Amino acid sequence: MSPTRPCPLYDGDHYDVAQSVGHQLVQVMTLMRRVVESRMAEHELTDAQWKPLWMLSTGRATTALELAREIDVDAGAVTRMVDRLEAKGLVERVRSETDRRVVHLRLTTAGDVAAAQVPHVLASVNNDMLRGFSESEWKQLRKLLDRMAENGAALQAEGGAP
C-alpha cells in the first residue's frame, strides 16, 4: 500500500516549514490540546489527571507501568501523577492477589464520575475543530492520517525512527 521510495513532495534546498504537513499537524494538535485543557479545567481536571483517568476507565492501563507506556511518560512521572490522583480521591492502589509485586490502579467512585466527563469533552473539541467538514471529508481526513501513520510505523520498523 505504501510506496517503497519516499514521495518527493518536499525539497530540502527549498524547505518552508509553513508548507510542512508535519508543522500543520503540530499546530492543529497544539490548538486542540489548549481547548481540551480549558474544557477539562471546567471539570477541575488537568492534563496530568484526565489522561490517566481515561486510560484506566477504558481499560487501556491497569498498572503504573502500563499507564506510563500509554501516555508516554517515565515511570517516576507516573508515580507522582498517581500520588496526586490518589490524594484527590480519584484513584486507589490495589495489590494483586496473585503477585504481591504488582500494584493495580483502580478508579474510585469519584474517579469514575470524573472519567465519565472525558469522552464528552474530547468529542465536543473534535466536533468543534471539524466544524464545516462533511462526513465524507471527515472520513477522507481519517484515511489520509491513517496512511501517514502507517508510513511512520513502517519507518520505525525499518529503523528510520526511534
Protein backbone atom coordinates (compact mmCIF):
# COMPACT_ATOMS: atom_id res chain seq x y z
CA MET A 1 0.00 0.00 0.00
CA SER A 2 2.78 2.46 0.87
CA PRO A 3 5.36 3.32 -1.79
CA THR A 4 8.82 1.82 -1.44
CA ARG A 5 10.51 5.16 -2.13
CA PRO A 6 9.74 8.48 -0.46
CA CYS A 7 7.30 10.68 -2.31
CA PRO A 8 9.30 13.82 -3.31
CA LEU A 9 6.83 16.49 -2.27
CA TYR A 10 9.43 18.45 -0.30
CA ASP A 11 12.91 19.61 -1.28
CA GLY A 12 15.46 20.24 1.46
CA ASP A 13 17.05 23.04 -0.53
CA HIS A 14 13.75 24.95 -0.61
CA TYR A 15 12.03 23.68 2.52
CA ASP A 16 9.45 26.04 4.03
CA VAL A 17 8.21 24.93 7.44
CA ALA A 18 4.94 26.81 6.88
CA GLN A 19 4.21 24.42 3.99
CA SER A 20 5.06 21.32 6.03
CA VAL A 21 2.24 18.88 6.78
CA GLY A 22 4.11 17.91 9.95
CA HIS A 23 4.14 21.53 11.10
CA GLN A 24 0.44 21.87 10.32
CA LEU A 25 -0.33 18.72 12.33
CA VAL A 26 1.65 20.06 15.29
CA GLN A 27 -0.20 23.40 15.07
CA VAL A 28 -3.60 21.69 15.00
CA MET A 29 -2.66 19.41 17.91
CA THR A 30 -1.41 22.38 19.92
CA LEU A 31 -4.70 24.19 19.38
CA MET A 32 -6.71 21.09 20.24
CA ARG A 33 -4.65 20.49 23.39
CA ARG A 34 -5.27 24.06 24.56
CA VAL A 35 -9.01 23.80 24.01
CA VAL A 36 -9.13 20.39 25.73
CA GLU A 37 -7.15 21.80 28.67
CA SER A 38 -9.56 24.71 29.00
CA ARG A 39 -12.64 22.49 28.86
CA MET A 40 -11.21 19.89 31.23
CA ALA A 41 -10.47 22.71 33.70
CA GLU A 42 -14.23 23.31 33.85
CA HIS A 43 -14.40 19.79 35.38
CA GLU A 44 -11.41 20.52 37.63
CA LEU A 45 -9.20 18.14 35.66
CA THR A 46 -5.69 18.87 34.43
CA ASP A 47 -3.92 17.20 31.51
CA ALA A 48 -1.96 15.09 34.01
CA GLN A 49 -5.25 13.94 35.56
CA TRP A 50 -7.72 13.32 32.77
CA LYS A 51 -5.35 11.23 30.62
CA PRO A 52 -4.61 8.61 33.29
CA LEU A 53 -8.26 8.58 34.39
CA TRP A 54 -9.31 7.94 30.80
CA MET A 55 -6.70 5.19 30.29
CA LEU A 56 -7.83 3.47 33.49
CA SER A 57 -11.54 3.85 32.75
CA THR A 58 -11.19 2.39 29.25
CA GLY A 59 -9.01 -0.50 30.43
CA ARG A 60 -6.03 0.58 28.34
CA ALA A 61 -3.96 0.56 31.53
CA THR A 62 -4.31 -1.14 34.90
CA THR A 63 -0.83 -0.59 36.37
CA ALA A 64 1.58 2.34 36.62
CA LEU A 65 3.87 0.72 34.04
CA GLU A 66 1.03 0.32 31.53
CA LEU A 67 -0.06 3.88 32.25
CA ALA A 68 3.46 5.20 31.61
CA ARG A 69 3.53 3.37 28.28
CA GLU A 70 0.06 4.55 27.21
CA ILE A 71 0.58 8.24 27.97
CA ASP A 72 4.27 8.19 27.04
CA VAL A 73 5.83 9.42 30.28
CA ASP A 74 8.53 7.95 32.51
CA ALA A 75 7.71 5.75 35.49
CA GLY A 76 8.72 8.44 38.01
CA ALA A 77 6.30 10.93 36.50
CA VAL A 78 3.50 8.35 36.59
CA THR A 79 4.20 7.62 40.26
CA ARG A 80 3.84 11.33 41.10
CA MET A 81 0.73 11.53 38.90
CA VAL A 82 -0.88 8.57 40.65
CA ASP A 83 0.09 10.01 44.06
CA ARG A 84 -1.82 13.21 43.19
CA LEU A 85 -4.81 11.31 41.81
CA GLU A 86 -4.88 9.16 44.94
CA ALA A 87 -4.65 12.25 47.19
CA LYS A 88 -7.55 13.77 45.24
CA GLY A 89 -9.58 10.59 45.88
CA LEU A 90 -9.85 9.61 42.21
CA VAL A 91 -7.61 6.52 42.13
CA GLU A 92 -6.63 3.79 44.54
CA ARG A 93 -3.76 1.32 44.50
CA VAL A 94 -4.69 -2.33 44.97
CA ARG A 95 -2.12 -5.11 45.39
CA SER A 96 -2.55 -8.08 43.08
CA GLU A 97 -3.82 -11.17 44.86
CA THR A 98 -1.77 -13.42 42.57
CA ASP A 99 1.51 -11.44 42.55
CA ARG A 100 2.21 -9.17 45.53
CA ARG A 101 4.81 -7.26 43.47
CA VAL A 102 2.09 -5.96 41.14
CA VAL A 103 0.02 -2.96 42.16
CA HIS A 104 -3.14 -2.37 40.15
CA LEU A 105 -4.69 1.06 39.79
CA ARG A 106 -8.44 1.37 40.15
CA LEU A 107 -10.76 4.33 39.83
CA THR A 108 -12.74 5.28 42.90
CA THR A 109 -16.38 6.26 42.61
CA ALA A 110 -15.26 9.90 42.31
CA GLY A 111 -12.72 8.81 39.67
CA ASP A 112 -15.47 7.10 37.68
CA VAL A 113 -17.55 10.28 37.78
CA ALA A 114 -14.58 12.40 36.66
CA ALA A 115 -13.57 9.95 33.93
CA ALA A 116 -17.13 9.92 32.59
CA GLN A 117 -16.69 13.60 31.62
CA VAL A 118 -13.62 12.95 29.47
CA PRO A 119 -15.21 11.44 26.33
CA HIS A 120 -17.80 14.22 26.24
CA VAL A 121 -15.13 16.91 26.36
CA LEU A 122 -12.98 15.16 23.75
CA ALA A 123 -15.97 14.63 21.44
CA SER A 124 -17.01 18.28 21.73
CA VAL A 125 -13.49 19.53 20.97
CA ASN A 126 -13.18 17.23 17.95
CA ASN A 127 -16.59 18.28 16.69
CA ASP A 128 -15.76 21.95 17.12
CA MET A 129 -12.41 21.57 15.35
CA LEU A 130 -14.17 19.77 12.49
CA ARG A 131 -16.91 22.39 12.15
CA GLY A 132 -17.87 22.76 8.49
CA PHE A 133 -16.49 19.37 7.46
CA SER A 134 -18.84 16.95 5.74
CA GLU A 135 -18.94 13.33 6.86
CA SER A 136 -17.11 12.28 3.68
CA GLU A 137 -14.39 14.92 4.30
CA TRP A 138 -14.01 13.64 7.87
CA LYS A 139 -13.69 10.06 6.61
CA GLN A 140 -11.16 11.13 3.96
CA LEU A 141 -9.10 13.03 6.55
CA ARG A 142 -9.05 9.95 8.78
CA LYS A 143 -7.94 7.75 5.86
CA LEU A 144 -5.14 10.16 4.96
CA LEU A 145 -3.94 10.35 8.56
CA ASP A 146 -4.08 6.55 8.79
CA ARG A 147 -1.83 6.34 5.71
CA MET A 148 0.65 8.77 7.26
CA ALA A 149 0.63 6.73 10.48
CA GLU A 150 1.23 3.52 8.50
CA ASN A 151 4.19 5.15 6.75
CA GLY A 152 5.56 6.28 10.12
CA ALA A 153 5.15 2.81 11.59
CA ALA A 154 6.96 1.31 8.58
CA LEU A 155 9.82 3.79 9.01
CA GLN A 156 10.05 2.94 12.67
CA ALA A 157 10.11 -0.79 11.89
CA GLU A 158 12.88 -0.20 9.34
CA GLY A 159 14.92 1.58 12.00
CA GLY A 160 14.37 5.03 10.49
CA ALA A 161 12.67 6.37 13.60
CA PRO A 162 13.02 5.78 17.36
